[in-house]
Amino acid sequence: MPMSPVRLRDDVPEDVKISAEEIHAGRDVDAEELRHTPREYQELVVNILGGHAAGEAFVLNDNVYAHWAADAPTTEDRFMVLRTIEEELMHAREAFRMLRQIDELVVYDELVPYALATLEGFQHPVSEWAEHAALCALTDRVGTFQQEEQLDCSYLPYAESIRTAFFPYEKGHAARGRYWLRRLCETDEGREQAQRAVDVWWPRSLDMFGKSNTARQHRFVYYRLKKRTNEERRQSFISIVGPELESLGLTVPDEMVGRKIA
């Protein structure tokens, strides 16, 4: 997986006035206070913001996403795609705004457009409309599972942005994908197309939650930047989204088939 182009500066002076234990116990942190937190916490916050600032811009990639603004089946679909592109770029701008708040702490060379998608799944061309539907229905739903538990996270600027700028729109993006999948499943031919697309994007979506055995995930939880481990969120996704796919007449793929991240 490519590294985020955003990183914490190597020369940030250590000036800890808010301890890791305080943050773990419930102390929230604003942008001005971030410089006074442990370097580990700073790195985790920068990792999250950088992921949004660079990662959301994948919608500009014409091979993967942007071409559907012209190639989607109907005028309504094309406008829905355009709306999603606009909102995803708004997310990138919002993350960049938060990075500017801590500009003295971070380094970033290239953000928009970013040369290579930060998530492996978005590095593959999407030439079938059913695949676009599945991509939105599943990967944006992953986003809602990630963001819902960050609505009250310890980094206050991000928590506020999740509540107002990210989470409400991410739910809408996933809903558009479900609408497109549901429409495809109204015919036998369309359901077959949808099934092939789900077979591709189900493992890619599960991979988006990250590795099950990484130590870093527990640090996100410790600092109250996330509430559950990668595998806990993944299993919750499977238990909720799987039955939704089955209600459309689709078969949920085996959770380990096609996975690149275990």
Protein backbone atom coordinates (compact mmCIF):
# COMPACT_ATOMS: atom_id res chain seq x y z
CA MET A 1 0.00 0.00 0.00
CA PRO A 2 1.46 3.43 -0.90
CA MET A 3 2.44 5.69 1.97
CA SER A 4 0.51 8.88 2.52
CA PRO A 5 2.31 11.91 1.05
CA VAL A 6 1.66 13.73 4.34
CA ARG A 7 4.02 13.17 7.26
CA LEU A 8 4.98 14.69 10.56
CA ARG A 9 8.10 16.85 10.38
CA ASP A 10 11.23 15.23 11.75
CA ASP A 11 12.30 18.41 13.52
CA VAL A 12 9.16 19.04 15.57
CA PRO A 13 10.46 19.91 19.06
CA GLU A 14 9.20 17.76 21.92
CA ASP A 15 6.99 19.88 24.17
CA VAL A 16 4.59 17.44 25.84
CA LYS A 17 2.11 19.15 28.14
CA ILE A 18 -0.78 16.75 27.50
CA SER A 19 0.22 13.18 28.26
CA ALA A 20 -0.85 10.01 26.51
CA GLU A 21 -2.53 8.92 29.73
CA GLU A 22 -4.60 12.12 29.86
CA ILE A 23 -5.82 11.65 26.28
CA HIS A 24 -6.63 8.01 26.96
CA ALA A 25 -8.59 9.02 30.06
CA GLY A 26 -10.76 11.50 28.16
CA ARG A 27 -8.75 14.66 27.50
CA ASP A 28 -9.62 16.06 24.07
CA VAL A 29 -7.13 18.01 21.95
CA ASP A 30 -7.63 21.04 19.72
CA ALA A 31 -5.40 22.19 16.85
CA GLU A 32 -3.35 24.59 18.97
CA GLU A 33 -2.73 21.92 21.57
CA LEU A 34 -1.58 19.21 19.15
CA ARG A 35 2.02 20.46 19.33
CA HIS A 36 1.94 19.73 23.07
CA THR A 37 0.95 16.06 22.73
CA PRO A 38 3.22 13.00 22.42
CA ARG A 39 4.80 12.54 19.00
CA GLU A 40 3.00 9.21 18.64
CA TYR A 41 -0.38 10.97 18.92
CA GLN A 42 0.71 13.65 16.46
CA GLU A 43 1.73 10.98 13.96
CA LEU A 44 -1.62 9.21 14.24
CA VAL A 45 -3.57 12.43 13.72
CA VAL A 46 -1.44 13.40 10.71
CA ASN A 47 -1.92 9.90 9.29
CA ILE A 48 -5.70 10.30 9.44
CA LEU A 49 -5.78 13.80 7.96
CA GLY A 50 -3.27 12.93 5.24
CA GLY A 51 -5.31 9.90 4.25
CA HIS A 52 -8.31 12.13 3.59
CA ALA A 53 -6.37 14.94 1.89
CA ALA A 54 -4.74 12.58 -0.62
CA GLY A 55 -7.09 9.60 -0.64
CA GLU A 56 -10.36 11.37 -1.43
CA ALA A 57 -8.89 12.73 -4.67
CA PHE A 58 -8.96 9.29 -6.29
CA VAL A 59 -12.29 10.38 -7.81
CA LEU A 60 -10.27 12.53 -10.21
CA ASN A 61 -8.74 9.41 -11.74
CA ASP A 62 -10.45 8.98 -15.09
CA ASN A 63 -9.68 5.27 -15.34
CA VAL A 64 -11.27 4.51 -11.99
CA TYR A 65 -14.00 7.04 -11.28
CA ALA A 66 -14.24 10.37 -13.07
CA HIS A 67 -15.23 9.00 -16.50
CA TRP A 68 -18.60 7.89 -15.09
CA ALA A 69 -19.63 11.53 -14.98
CA ALA A 70 -19.94 11.15 -18.77
CA ASP A 71 -20.38 7.39 -19.16
CA ALA A 72 -23.03 6.53 -16.56
CA PRO A 73 -26.21 5.04 -18.10
CA THR A 74 -28.65 7.92 -17.57
CA THR A 75 -28.59 11.68 -17.09
CA GLU A 76 -29.72 11.19 -13.49
CA ASP A 77 -26.84 8.78 -12.89
CA ARG A 78 -24.34 11.18 -14.40
CA PHE A 79 -25.48 13.99 -12.12
CA MET A 80 -25.30 11.65 -9.12
CA VAL A 81 -21.71 10.77 -10.02
CA LEU A 82 -20.85 14.46 -10.42
CA ARG A 83 -22.36 15.19 -7.03
CA THR A 84 -20.25 12.47 -5.42
CA ILE A 85 -17.08 13.78 -7.10
CA GLU A 86 -17.85 17.27 -5.81
CA GLU A 87 -18.44 15.99 -2.28
CA GLU A 88 -15.34 13.79 -2.21
CA LEU A 89 -13.21 16.75 -3.29
CA MET A 90 -14.89 18.80 -0.57
CA HIS A 91 -13.66 16.14 1.86
CA ALA A 92 -10.14 16.52 0.49
CA ARG A 93 -10.37 20.30 0.90
CA GLU A 94 -11.64 19.91 4.44
CA ALA A 95 -8.73 17.66 5.35
CA PHE A 96 -6.32 20.14 3.74
CA ARG A 97 -7.90 22.91 5.84
CA MET A 98 -7.16 20.90 8.98
CA LEU A 99 -3.59 20.28 7.81
CA ARG A 100 -3.12 24.03 7.35
CA GLN A 101 -4.16 24.49 10.98
CA ILE A 102 -1.09 22.47 12.00
CA ASP A 103 1.13 23.57 9.12
CA GLU A 104 4.21 23.94 11.33
CA LEU A 105 4.00 20.22 12.20
CA VAL A 106 3.55 18.61 8.78
CA VAL A 107 5.23 18.13 5.42
CA TYR A 108 3.37 17.37 2.21
CA ASP A 109 4.74 17.54 -1.30
CA GLU A 110 1.79 16.53 -3.48
CA LEU A 111 -1.86 16.11 -2.57
CA VAL A 112 -4.33 16.81 -5.37
CA PRO A 113 -4.23 15.14 -7.75
CA TYR A 114 -2.21 12.48 -6.00
CA ALA A 115 -0.31 10.22 -8.41
CA LEU A 116 -1.24 6.88 -6.86
CA ALA A 117 -4.33 5.97 -4.85
CA THR A 118 -3.48 5.44 -1.19
CA LEU A 119 -5.72 2.34 -1.11
CA GLU A 120 -4.80 -0.59 -3.35
CA GLY A 121 -8.40 -1.25 -4.40
CA PHE A 122 -8.65 2.13 -6.11
CA GLN A 123 -5.62 1.47 -8.32
CA HIS A 124 -7.64 -0.77 -10.68
CA PRO A 125 -9.55 0.56 -13.72
CA VAL A 126 -13.34 0.41 -13.45
CA SER A 127 -14.88 -0.05 -16.89
CA GLU A 128 -18.21 -1.71 -16.00
CA TRP A 129 -21.13 0.26 -14.57
CA ALA A 130 -21.97 -2.57 -12.18
CA GLU A 131 -18.45 -2.29 -10.77
CA HIS A 132 -18.95 1.41 -10.13
CA ALA A 133 -22.20 0.62 -8.33
CA ALA A 134 -20.49 -2.00 -6.17
CA LEU A 135 -17.51 0.26 -5.50
CA CYS A 136 -19.81 2.98 -4.13
CA ALA A 137 -22.14 0.62 -2.28
CA LEU A 138 -19.30 -1.17 -0.50
CA THR A 139 -16.26 1.09 -0.17
CA ASP A 140 -18.26 4.15 0.84
CA ARG A 141 -20.09 1.95 3.32
CA VAL A 142 -16.70 1.03 4.75
CA GLY A 143 -16.17 4.75 5.16
CA THR A 144 -19.34 5.06 7.23
CA PHE A 145 -18.23 2.22 9.49
CA GLN A 146 -14.89 3.96 10.01
CA GLN A 147 -16.32 7.43 10.56
CA GLU A 148 -19.27 6.60 12.77
CA GLU A 149 -16.96 5.74 15.64
CA GLN A 150 -14.95 8.95 15.14
CA LEU A 151 -17.87 11.32 15.67
CA ASP A 152 -16.56 12.02 19.18
CA CYS A 153 -12.88 11.19 18.75
CA SER A 154 -10.20 12.89 20.84
CA TYR A 155 -8.92 15.26 18.15
CA LEU A 156 -11.60 17.96 18.24
CA PRO A 157 -11.17 19.50 14.74
CA TYR A 158 -11.49 16.08 13.14
CA ALA A 159 -14.47 15.06 15.28
CA GLU A 160 -16.28 18.25 14.24
CA SER A 161 -15.48 17.67 10.56
CA ILE A 162 -16.66 14.05 10.77
CA ARG A 163 -19.99 15.21 12.18
CA THR A 164 -20.56 18.02 9.69
CA ALA A 165 -18.47 17.47 6.54
CA PHE A 166 -17.72 13.76 6.22
CA PHE A 167 -20.16 11.31 7.76
CA PRO A 168 -23.47 12.71 6.41
CA TYR A 169 -22.11 12.76 2.85
CA GLU A 170 -20.43 9.35 3.11
CA LYS A 171 -23.80 7.84 4.00
CA GLY A 172 -25.23 9.42 0.86
CA HIS A 173 -22.46 8.03 -1.34
CA ALA A 174 -23.09 4.50 -0.06
CA ALA A 175 -26.83 4.96 -0.57
CA ARG A 176 -26.28 5.91 -4.22
CA GLY A 177 -24.29 2.73 -4.73
CA ARG A 178 -27.02 0.61 -3.13
CA TYR A 179 -29.59 2.31 -5.35
CA TRP A 180 -27.58 1.42 -8.45
CA LEU A 181 -27.07 -2.18 -7.31
CA ARG A 182 -30.76 -2.54 -6.49
CA ARG A 183 -31.70 -1.23 -9.92
CA LEU A 184 -29.32 -3.66 -11.60
CA CYS A 185 -30.79 -6.56 -9.65
CA GLU A 186 -34.24 -5.94 -11.09
CA THR A 187 -33.28 -8.11 -14.08
CA ASP A 188 -31.50 -11.46 -14.27
CA GLU A 189 -28.82 -10.01 -16.54
CA GLY A 190 -28.29 -7.05 -14.26
CA ARG A 191 -28.09 -9.28 -11.19
CA GLU A 192 -25.39 -11.35 -12.85
CA GLN A 193 -23.44 -8.18 -13.59
CA ALA A 194 -23.91 -7.00 -10.01
CA GLN A 195 -22.76 -10.35 -8.65
CA ARG A 196 -19.55 -10.24 -10.67
CA ALA A 197 -18.92 -6.72 -9.44
CA VAL A 198 -19.58 -7.62 -5.81
CA ASP A 199 -17.20 -10.58 -6.16
CA VAL A 200 -14.50 -8.04 -7.08
CA TRP A 201 -15.28 -5.28 -4.59
CA TRP A 202 -16.24 -7.31 -1.52
CA PRO A 203 -12.64 -8.41 -0.79
CA ARG A 204 -11.28 -4.98 -1.69
CA SER A 205 -13.74 -3.41 0.74
CA LEU A 206 -12.82 -5.81 3.52
CA ASP A 207 -9.15 -5.00 2.93
CA MET A 208 -9.89 -1.30 3.49
CA PHE A 209 -10.28 -1.94 7.23
CA GLY A 210 -6.58 -2.77 7.42
CA LYS A 211 -4.50 -5.60 8.81
CA SER A 212 -5.82 -7.67 11.70
CA ASN A 213 -2.51 -8.03 13.50
CA THR A 214 -0.97 -4.58 13.33
CA ALA A 215 0.04 -3.04 16.64
CA ARG A 216 -0.76 0.48 15.45
CA GLN A 217 -4.52 -0.13 15.39
CA HIS A 218 -4.45 -0.51 19.17
CA ARG A 219 -2.75 2.87 19.53
CA PHE A 220 -5.58 4.52 17.59
CA VAL A 221 -7.99 2.93 20.07
CA TYR A 222 -5.84 3.87 23.06
CA TYR A 223 -5.80 7.53 22.04
CA ARG A 224 -9.57 7.48 21.34
CA LEU A 225 -9.11 8.22 17.64
CA LYS A 226 -10.98 4.99 16.91
CA LYS A 227 -13.10 2.72 19.09
CA ARG A 228 -12.63 -0.75 17.63
CA THR A 229 -9.86 -2.79 16.08
CA ASN A 230 -9.67 -3.34 12.33
CA GLU A 231 -11.05 -6.86 12.59
CA GLU A 232 -13.90 -5.81 14.89
CA ARG A 233 -15.04 -3.20 12.37
CA ARG A 234 -14.60 -5.65 9.49
CA GLN A 235 -16.73 -8.31 11.16
CA SER A 236 -19.41 -5.74 11.97
CA PHE A 237 -19.43 -4.72 8.30
CA ILE A 238 -19.81 -8.36 7.20
CA SER A 239 -22.68 -8.99 9.62
CA ILE A 240 -24.65 -5.91 8.53
CA VAL A 241 -23.82 -5.40 4.85
CA GLY A 242 -23.81 -9.10 3.95
CA PRO A 243 -27.55 -9.56 4.61
CA GLU A 244 -28.28 -6.36 2.68
CA LEU A 245 -26.62 -7.85 -0.39
CA GLU A 246 -28.51 -11.11 0.10
CA SER A 247 -31.79 -9.18 0.17
CA LEU A 248 -31.03 -8.12 -3.42
CA GLY A 249 -30.61 -11.74 -4.49
CA LEU A 250 -26.81 -11.56 -4.39
CA THR A 251 -24.43 -14.08 -2.85
CA VAL A 252 -21.95 -12.77 -0.31
CA PRO A 253 -18.44 -13.96 -1.23
CA ASP A 254 -16.30 -15.84 1.26
CA GLU A 255 -14.64 -13.24 3.45
CA MET A 256 -11.13 -14.57 2.80
CA VAL A 257 -11.30 -15.13 -0.97
CA GLY A 258 -9.46 -12.50 -3.00
CA ARG A 259 -8.14 -10.68 0.04
CA LYS A 260 -4.68 -9.06 -0.06
CA ILE A 261 -4.66 -7.92 3.56
CA ALA A 262 -5.33 -10.47 6.29
